[in-house]
PDB file of N, CA and C in Angstrom:
ATOM      1  N   MET A   1       4.919  -4.697  -2.249  1.00  0.00           N
ATOM      2  CA  MET A   1       4.148  -3.490  -2.049  1.00  0.00           C
ATOM      3  C   MET A   1       5.031  -2.254  -2.210  1.00  0.00           C
ATOM      4  N   THR A   2       6.238  -2.345  -1.680  1.00  0.00           N
ATOM      5  CA  THR A   2       7.149  -1.201  -1.771  1.00  0.00           C
ATOM      6  C   THR A   2       7.440  -0.840  -3.216  1.00  0.00           C
ATOM      7  N   ALA A   3       7.655  -1.849  -4.056  1.00  0.00           N
ATOM      8  CA  ALA A   3       7.956  -1.591  -5.466  1.00  0.00           C
ATOM      9  C   ALA A   3       6.803  -0.857  -6.137  1.00  0.00           C
ATOM     10  N   LEU A   4       5.591  -1.279  -5.858  1.00  0.00           N
ATOM     11  CA  LEU A   4       4.421  -0.624  -6.444  1.00  0.00           C
ATOM     12  C   LEU A   4       4.314   0.819  -5.977  1.00  0.00           C
ATOM     13  N   VAL A   5       4.458   1.046  -4.682  1.00  0.00           N
ATOM     14  CA  VAL A   5       4.372   2.415  -4.148  1.00  0.00           C
ATOM     15  C   VAL A   5       5.513   3.263  -4.705  1.00  0.00           C
ATOM     16  N   ASN A   6       6.700   2.688  -4.851  1.00  0.00           N
ATOM     17  CA  ASN A   6       7.818   3.434  -5.441  1.00  0.00           C
ATOM     18  C   ASN A   6       7.473   3.919  -6.843  1.00  0.00           C
ATOM     19  N   ARG A   7       6.905   3.037  -7.662  1.00  0.00           N
ATOM     20  CA  ARG A   7       6.549   3.424  -9.034  1.00  0.00           C
ATOM     21  C   ARG A   7       5.467   4.498  -9.041  1.00  0.00           C
ATOM     22  N   LEU A   8       4.470   4.344  -8.176  1.00  0.00           N
ATOM     23  CA  LEU A   8       3.395   5.338  -8.122  1.00  0.00           C
ATOM     24  C   LEU A   8       3.911   6.688  -7.642  1.00  0.00           C
ATOM     25  N   ALA A   9       4.801   6.677  -6.640  1.00  0.00           N
ATOM     26  CA  ALA A   9       5.372   7.933  -6.139  1.00  0.00           C
ATOM     27  C   ALA A   9       6.243   8.592  -7.202  1.00  0.00           C
ATOM     28  N   LYS A  10       7.042   7.803  -7.888  1.00  0.00           N
ATOM     29  CA  LYS A  10       7.915   8.344  -8.948  1.00  0.00           C
ATOM     30  C   LYS A  10       7.091   8.976 -10.060  1.00  0.00           C
ATOM     31  N   SER A  11       5.914   8.411 -10.326  1.00  0.00           N
ATOM     32  CA  SER A  11       5.033   8.941 -11.361  1.00  0.00           C
ATOM     33  C   SER A  11       4.181  10.110 -10.873  1.00  0.00           C
ATOM     34  N   GLY A  12       4.247  10.415  -9.577  1.00  0.00           N
ATOM     35  CA  GLY A  12       3.496  11.536  -9.032  1.00  0.00           C
ATOM     36  C   GLY A  12       2.064  11.210  -8.662  1.00  0.00           C
ATOM     37  N   TYR A  13       1.739   9.919  -8.557  1.00  0.00           N
ATOM     38  CA  TYR A  13       0.373   9.528  -8.242  1.00  0.00           C
ATOM     39  C   TYR A  13       0.096   9.405  -6.752  1.00  0.00           C
ATOM     40  N   VAL A  14       1.136   9.222  -5.947  1.00  0.00           N
ATOM     41  CA  VAL A  14       0.953   9.101  -4.503  1.00  0.00           C
ATOM     42  C   VAL A  14       2.022   9.897  -3.770  1.00  0.00           C
ATOM     43  N   LEU A  15       1.714  10.230  -2.526  1.00  0.00           N
ATOM     44  CA  LEU A  15       2.661  10.852  -1.613  1.00  0.00           C
ATOM     45  C   LEU A  15       2.802   9.947  -0.404  1.00  0.00           C
ATOM     46  N   ARG A  16       3.999   9.930   0.159  1.00  0.00           N
ATOM     47  CA  ARG A  16       4.239   9.170   1.385  1.00  0.00           C
ATOM     48  C   ARG A  16       4.343  10.145   2.555  1.00  0.00           C
ATOM     49  N   ALA A  17       3.902   9.663   3.726  1.00  0.00           N
ATOM     50  CA  ALA A  17       4.046  10.446   4.957  1.00  0.00           C
ATOM     51  C   ALA A  17       4.258   9.468   6.100  1.00  0.00           C
ATOM     52  N   THR A  18       5.008   9.886   7.103  1.00  0.00           N
ATOM     53  CA  THR A  18       5.202   9.055   8.286  1.00  0.00           C
ATOM     54  C   THR A  18       3.906   9.003   9.075  1.00  0.00           C
ATOM     55  N   ASP A  19       3.544   7.826   9.525  1.00  0.00           N
ATOM     56  CA  ASP A  19       2.350   7.648  10.345  1.00  0.00           C
ATOM     57  C   ASP A  19       2.602   8.317  11.692  1.00  0.00           C
ATOM     58  N   PRO A  20       1.790   9.319  12.070  1.00  0.00           N
ATOM     59  CA  PRO A  20       2.039  10.021  13.324  1.00  0.00           C
ATOM     60  C   PRO A  20       1.873   9.139  14.562  1.00  0.00           C
ATOM     61  N   SER A  21       1.114   8.052  14.436  1.00  0.00           N
ATOM     62  CA  SER A  21       0.919   7.181  15.591  1.00  0.00           C
ATOM     63  C   SER A  21       1.902   6.011  15.631  1.00  0.00           C
ATOM     64  N   ASP A  22       2.659   5.805  14.535  1.00  0.00           N
ATOM     65  CA  ASP A  22       3.629   4.712  14.475  1.00  0.00           C
ATOM     66  C   ASP A  22       4.746   5.121  13.528  1.00  0.00           C
ATOM     67  N   GLY A  23       5.843   5.592  14.076  1.00  0.00           N
ATOM     68  CA  GLY A  23       6.957   6.085  13.274  1.00  0.00           C
ATOM     69  C   GLY A  23       7.565   5.057  12.350  1.00  0.00           C
ATOM     70  N   ARG A  24       7.299   3.778  12.582  1.00  0.00           N
ATOM     71  CA  ARG A  24       7.827   2.723  11.712  1.00  0.00           C
ATOM     72  C   ARG A  24       7.003   2.573  10.446  1.00  0.00           C
ATOM     73  N   ALA A  25       5.780   3.082  10.458  1.00  0.00           N
ATOM     74  CA  ALA A  25       4.852   2.898   9.341  1.00  0.00           C
ATOM     75  C   ALA A  25       4.873   4.104   8.418  1.00  0.00           C
ATOM     76  N   THR A  26       4.480   3.866   7.191  1.00  0.00           N
ATOM     77  CA  THR A  26       4.370   4.926   6.198  1.00  0.00           C
ATOM     78  C   THR A  26       2.944   4.960   5.676  1.00  0.00           C
ATOM     79  N   LEU A  27       2.370   6.150   5.618  1.00  0.00           N
ATOM     80  CA  LEU A  27       1.046   6.323   5.035  1.00  0.00           C
ATOM     81  C   LEU A  27       1.209   6.711   3.573  1.00  0.00           C
ATOM     82  N   VAL A  28       0.314   6.245   2.733  1.00  0.00           N
ATOM     83  CA  VAL A  28       0.352   6.551   1.304  1.00  0.00           C
ATOM     84  C   VAL A  28      -0.983   7.196   0.944  1.00  0.00           C
ATOM     85  N   GLN A  29      -0.907   8.326   0.233  1.00  0.00           N
ATOM     86  CA  GLN A  29      -2.114   9.057  -0.142  1.00  0.00           C
ATOM     87  C   GLN A  29      -2.055   9.406  -1.619  1.00  0.00           C
ATOM     88  N   LEU A  30      -3.196   9.285  -2.297  1.00  0.00           N
ATOM     89  CA  LEU A  30      -3.266   9.669  -3.698  1.00  0.00           C
ATOM     90  C   LEU A  30      -3.086  11.176  -3.839  1.00  0.00           C
ATOM     91  N   THR A  31      -2.351  11.579  -4.860  1.00  0.00           N
ATOM     92  CA  THR A  31      -2.258  12.995  -5.214  1.00  0.00           C
ATOM     93  C   THR A  31      -3.448  13.327  -6.114  1.00  0.00           C
ATOM     94  N   ALA A  32      -3.568  14.587  -6.497  1.00  0.00           N
ATOM     95  CA  ALA A  32      -4.633  14.977  -7.432  1.00  0.00           C
ATOM     96  C   ALA A  32      -4.469  14.226  -8.748  1.00  0.00           C
ATOM     97  N   ASP A  33      -3.222  14.075  -9.226  1.00  0.00           N
ATOM     98  CA  ASP A  33      -2.983  13.295 -10.451  1.00  0.00           C
ATOM     99  C   ASP A  33      -3.408  11.849 -10.263  1.00  0.00           C
ATOM    100  N   GLY A  34      -3.116  11.292  -9.101  1.00  0.00           N
ATOM    101  CA  GLY A  34      -3.510   9.921  -8.815  1.00  0.00           C
ATOM    102  C   GLY A  34      -5.019   9.759  -8.790  1.00  0.00           C
ATOM    103  N   GLU A  35      -5.712  10.728  -8.225  1.00  0.00           N
ATOM    104  CA  GLU A  35      -7.176  10.662  -8.178  1.00  0.00           C
ATOM    105  C   GLU A  35      -7.764  10.742  -9.575  1.00  0.00           C
ATOM    106  N   ARG A  36      -7.170  11.569 -10.432  1.00  0.00           N
ATOM    107  CA  ARG A  36      -7.663  11.662 -11.808  1.00  0.00           C
ATOM    108  C   ARG A  36      -7.379  10.373 -12.576  1.00  0.00           C
ATOM    109  N   ALA A  37      -6.216   9.779 -12.331  1.00  0.00           N
ATOM    110  CA  ALA A  37      -5.847   8.565 -13.055  1.00  0.00           C
ATOM    111  C   ALA A  37      -6.650   7.357 -12.580  1.00  0.00           C
ATOM    112  N   TRP A  38      -6.912   7.284 -11.291  1.00  0.00           N
ATOM    113  CA  TRP A  38      -7.632   6.155 -10.705  1.00  0.00           C
ATOM    114  C   TRP A  38      -8.731   6.669  -9.797  1.00  0.00           C
ATOM    115  N   PRO A  39      -9.813   7.158 -10.371  1.00  0.00           N
ATOM    116  CA  PRO A  39     -10.867   7.732  -9.526  1.00  0.00           C
ATOM    117  C   PRO A  39     -11.493   6.727  -8.576  1.00  0.00           C
ATOM    118  N   SER A  40     -11.401   5.439  -8.869  1.00  0.00           N
ATOM    119  CA  SER A  40     -12.011   4.454  -7.986  1.00  0.00           C
ATOM    120  C   SER A  40     -10.988   3.740  -7.114  1.00  0.00           C
ATOM    121  N   ALA A  41      -9.762   4.235  -7.050  1.00  0.00           N
ATOM    122  CA  ALA A  41      -8.724   3.539  -6.280  1.00  0.00           C
ATOM    123  C   ALA A  41      -9.035   3.523  -4.793  1.00  0.00           C
ATOM    124  N   GLY A  42      -9.693   4.564  -4.297  1.00  0.00           N
ATOM    125  CA  GLY A  42      -9.978   4.616  -2.871  1.00  0.00           C
ATOM    126  C   GLY A  42     -10.944   3.552  -2.385  1.00  0.00           C
ATOM    127  N   PRO A  43     -12.119   3.452  -2.974  1.00  0.00           N
ATOM    128  CA  PRO A  43     -13.088   2.502  -2.439  1.00  0.00           C
ATOM    129  C   PRO A  43     -12.623   1.042  -2.410  1.00  0.00           C
ATOM    130  N   PRO A  44     -12.040   0.476  -3.488  1.00  0.00           N
ATOM    131  CA  PRO A  44     -11.613  -0.922  -3.376  1.00  0.00           C
ATOM    132  C   PRO A  44     -10.574  -1.127  -2.282  1.00  0.00           C
ATOM    133  N   SER A  45      -9.620  -0.201  -2.155  1.00  0.00           N
ATOM    134  CA  SER A  45      -8.614  -0.370  -1.110  1.00  0.00           C
ATOM    135  C   SER A  45      -9.262  -0.252   0.268  1.00  0.00           C
ATOM    136  N   SER A  46     -10.267   0.591   0.388  1.00  0.00           N
ATOM    137  CA  SER A  46     -10.981   0.707   1.654  1.00  0.00           C
ATOM    138  C   SER A  46     -11.726  -0.579   1.969  1.00  0.00           C
ATOM    139  N   ARG A  47     -12.295  -1.190   0.933  1.00  0.00           N
ATOM    140  CA  ARG A  47     -13.001  -2.455   1.154  1.00  0.00           C
ATOM    141  C   ARG A  47     -12.034  -3.539   1.583  1.00  0.00           C
ATOM    142  N   VAL A  48     -10.850  -3.582   0.968  1.00  0.00           N
ATOM    143  CA  VAL A  48      -9.855  -4.576   1.363  1.00  0.00           C
ATOM    144  C   VAL A  48      -9.448  -4.343   2.811  1.00  0.00           C
ATOM    145  N   ALA A  49      -9.182  -3.095   3.165  1.00  0.00           N
ATOM    146  CA  ALA A  49      -8.795  -2.787   4.542  1.00  0.00           C
ATOM    147  C   ALA A  49      -9.896  -3.202   5.518  1.00  0.00           C
ATOM    148  N   ALA A  50     -11.144  -2.968   5.149  1.00  0.00           N
ATOM    149  CA  ALA A  50     -12.253  -3.349   6.019  1.00  0.00           C
ATOM    150  C   ALA A  50     -12.305  -4.866   6.196  1.00  0.00           C
ATOM    151  N   HIS A  51     -12.029  -5.606   5.116  1.00  0.00           N
ATOM    152  CA  HIS A  51     -12.029  -7.071   5.221  1.00  0.00           C
ATOM    153  C   HIS A  51     -10.863  -7.558   6.079  1.00  0.00           C
ATOM    154  N   ILE A  52      -9.716  -6.926   5.934  1.00  0.00           N
ATOM    155  CA  ILE A  52      -8.562  -7.324   6.745  1.00  0.00           C
ATOM    156  C   ILE A  52      -8.871  -7.148   8.221  1.00  0.00           C
ATOM    157  N   GLU A  53      -9.559  -6.065   8.556  1.00  0.00           N
ATOM    158  CA  GLU A  53      -9.890  -5.808   9.952  1.00  0.00           C
ATOM    159  C   GLU A  53     -10.812  -6.877  10.540  1.00  0.00           C
ATOM    160  N   THR A  54     -11.554  -7.590   9.690  1.00  0.00           N
ATOM    161  CA  THR A  54     -12.460  -8.625  10.196  1.00  0.00           C
ATOM    162  C   THR A  54     -11.758  -9.968  10.403  1.00  0.00           C
ATOM    163  N   LEU A  55     -10.537 -10.082   9.909  1.00  0.00           N
ATOM    164  CA  LEU A  55      -9.803 -11.345  10.063  1.00  0.00           C
ATOM    165  C   LEU A  55      -9.441 -11.585  11.519  1.00  0.00           C
ATOM    166  N   PRO A  56      -9.374 -12.837  11.900  1.00  0.00           N
ATOM    167  CA  PRO A  56      -8.893 -13.148  13.244  1.00  0.00           C
ATOM    168  C   PRO A  56      -7.432 -12.690  13.390  1.00  0.00           C
ATOM    169  N   PRO A  57      -7.004 -12.389  14.588  1.00  0.00           N
ATOM    170  CA  PRO A  57      -5.638 -11.888  14.795  1.00  0.00           C
ATOM    171  C   PRO A  57      -4.556 -12.774  14.177  1.00  0.00           C
ATOM    172  N   GLU A  58      -4.724 -14.092  14.229  1.00  0.00           N
ATOM    173  CA  GLU A  58      -3.683 -14.965  13.675  1.00  0.00           C
ATOM    174  C   GLU A  58      -3.594 -14.836  12.153  1.00  0.00           C
ATOM    175  N   HIS A  59      -4.702 -14.538  11.473  1.00  0.00           N
ATOM    176  CA  HIS A  59      -4.674 -14.333  10.025  1.00  0.00           C
ATOM    177  C   HIS A  59      -4.048 -12.983   9.683  1.00  0.00           C
ATOM    178  N   ARG A  60      -4.337 -11.966  10.489  1.00  0.00           N
ATOM    179  CA  ARG A  60      -3.706 -10.656  10.262  1.00  0.00           C
ATOM    180  C   ARG A  60      -2.190 -10.765  10.454  1.00  0.00           C
ATOM    181  N   ARG A  61      -1.768 -11.526  11.480  1.00  0.00           N
ATOM    182  CA  ARG A  61      -0.326 -11.737  11.689  1.00  0.00           C
ATOM    183  C   ARG A  61       0.282 -12.471  10.501  1.00  0.00           C
ATOM    184  N   ALA A  62      -0.435 -13.468   9.973  1.00  0.00           N
ATOM    185  CA  ALA A  62       0.070 -14.212   8.814  1.00  0.00           C
ATOM    186  C   ALA A  62       0.246 -13.286   7.609  1.00  0.00           C
ATOM    187  N   LEU A  63      -0.698 -12.389   7.397  1.00  0.00           N
ATOM    188  CA  LEU A  63      -0.559 -11.422   6.301  1.00  0.00           C
ATOM    189  C   LEU A  63       0.647 -10.514   6.528  1.00  0.00           C
ATOM    190  N   ALA A  64       0.793 -10.027   7.746  1.00  0.00           N
ATOM    191  CA  ALA A  64       1.930  -9.158   8.061  1.00  0.00           C
ATOM    192  C   ALA A  64       3.244  -9.911   7.877  1.00  0.00           C
ATOM    193  N   ASP A  65       3.281 -11.175   8.287  1.00  0.00           N
ATOM    194  CA  ASP A  65       4.492 -11.976   8.132  1.00  0.00           C
ATOM    195  C   ASP A  65       4.818 -12.231   6.664  1.00  0.00           C
ATOM    196  N   ALA A  66       3.796 -12.240   5.809  1.00  0.00           N
ATOM    197  CA  ALA A  66       4.003 -12.499   4.384  1.00  0.00           C
ATOM    198  C   ALA A  66       4.506 -11.267   3.628  1.00  0.00           C
ATOM    199  N   LEU A  67       4.408 -10.083   4.211  1.00  0.00           N
ATOM    200  CA  LEU A  67       4.793  -8.867   3.498  1.00  0.00           C
ATOM    201  C   LEU A  67       6.235  -8.874   3.004  1.00  0.00           C
ATOM    202  N   PRO A  68       7.222  -9.345   3.774  1.00  0.00           N
ATOM    203  CA  PRO A  68       8.583  -9.377   3.222  1.00  0.00           C
ATOM    204  C   PRO A  68       8.684 -10.243   1.962  1.00  0.00           C
ATOM    205  N   ALA A  69       7.984 -11.363   1.923  1.00  0.00           N
ATOM    206  CA  ALA A  69       8.009 -12.214   0.730  1.00  0.00           C
ATOM    207  C   ALA A  69       7.336 -11.509  -0.442  1.00  0.00           C
ATOM    208  N   ILE A  70       6.242 -10.810  -0.184  1.00  0.00           N
ATOM    209  CA  ILE A  70       5.556 -10.072  -1.243  1.00  0.00           C
ATOM    210  C   ILE A  70       6.454  -8.955  -1.768  1.00  0.00           C
ATOM    211  N   GLU A  71       7.123  -8.243  -0.868  1.00  0.00           N
ATOM    212  CA  GLU A  71       8.043  -7.188  -1.293  1.00  0.00           C
ATOM    213  C   GLU A  71       9.182  -7.764  -2.122  1.00  0.00           C
ATOM    214  N   PHE A  72       9.706  -8.932  -1.724  1.00  0.00           N
ATOM    215  CA  PHE A  72      10.771  -9.581  -2.484  1.00  0.00           C
ATOM    216  C   PHE A  72      10.279  -9.925  -3.894  1.00  0.00           C
ATOM    217  N   LEU A  73       9.077 -10.483  -3.976  1.00  0.00           N
ATOM    218  CA  LEU A  73       8.522 -10.870  -5.265  1.00  0.00           C
ATOM    219  C   LEU A  73       8.268  -9.676  -6.172  1.00  0.00           C
ATOM    220  N   THR A  74       7.866  -8.554  -5.598  1.00  0.00           N
ATOM    221  CA  THR A  74       7.528  -7.386  -6.404  1.00  0.00           C
ATOM    222  C   THR A  74       8.704  -6.447  -6.625  1.00  0.00           C
ATOM    223  N   ALA A  75       9.813  -6.657  -5.947  1.00  0.00           N
ATOM    224  CA  ALA A  75      10.967  -5.754  -6.080  1.00  0.00           C
ATOM    225  C   ALA A  75      11.443  -5.670  -7.519  1.00  0.00           C
ATOM    226  N   GLY A  76      11.436  -6.765  -8.233  1.00  0.00           N
ATOM    227  CA  GLY A  76      11.877  -6.772  -9.618  1.00  0.00           C
ATOM    228  C   GLY A  76      10.958  -6.037 -10.560  1.00  0.00           C
ATOM    229  N   LEU A  77       9.748  -5.719 -10.120  1.00  0.00           N
ATOM    230  CA  LEU A  77       8.813  -5.021 -10.974  1.00  0.00           C
ATOM    231  C   LEU A  77       9.266  -3.604 -11.288  1.00  0.00           C
ATOM    232  N   ASP A  78      10.110  -3.023 -10.450  1.00  0.00           N
ATOM    233  CA  ASP A  78      10.636  -1.689 -10.738  1.00  0.00           C
ATOM    234  C   ASP A  78      11.482  -1.683 -11.984  1.00  0.00           C
ATOM    235  N   ASN A  79      12.012  -2.848 -12.362  1.00  0.00           N
ATOM    236  CA  ASN A  79      12.918  -2.946 -13.507  1.00  0.00           C
ATOM    237  C   ASN A  79      12.194  -3.315 -14.798  1.00  0.00           C
ATOM    238  N   THR A  80      10.867  -3.418 -14.761  1.00  0.00           N
ATOM    239  CA  THR A  80      10.136  -3.820 -15.967  1.00  0.00           C
ATOM    240  C   THR A  80       9.450  -2.644 -16.594  1.00  0.00           C
TER     241      THR A  80
END
């Protein structure tokens, strides 16, 4: 996930901000360029977030635990 956000931020499509309620977290927001490039990016991500919220706590923990592996897998994408 980090690799993808890095590429989008470098291209000017997203901005990062510290989550005011959790200093360890980072919020990502589309810029005006990002909205023009991906006008439908918001709704699908919102739908995914809504589905994640319906998962039982143990499944949400499993997803959170998998994030380091996903970041490892996608880290090389910055070099492509």
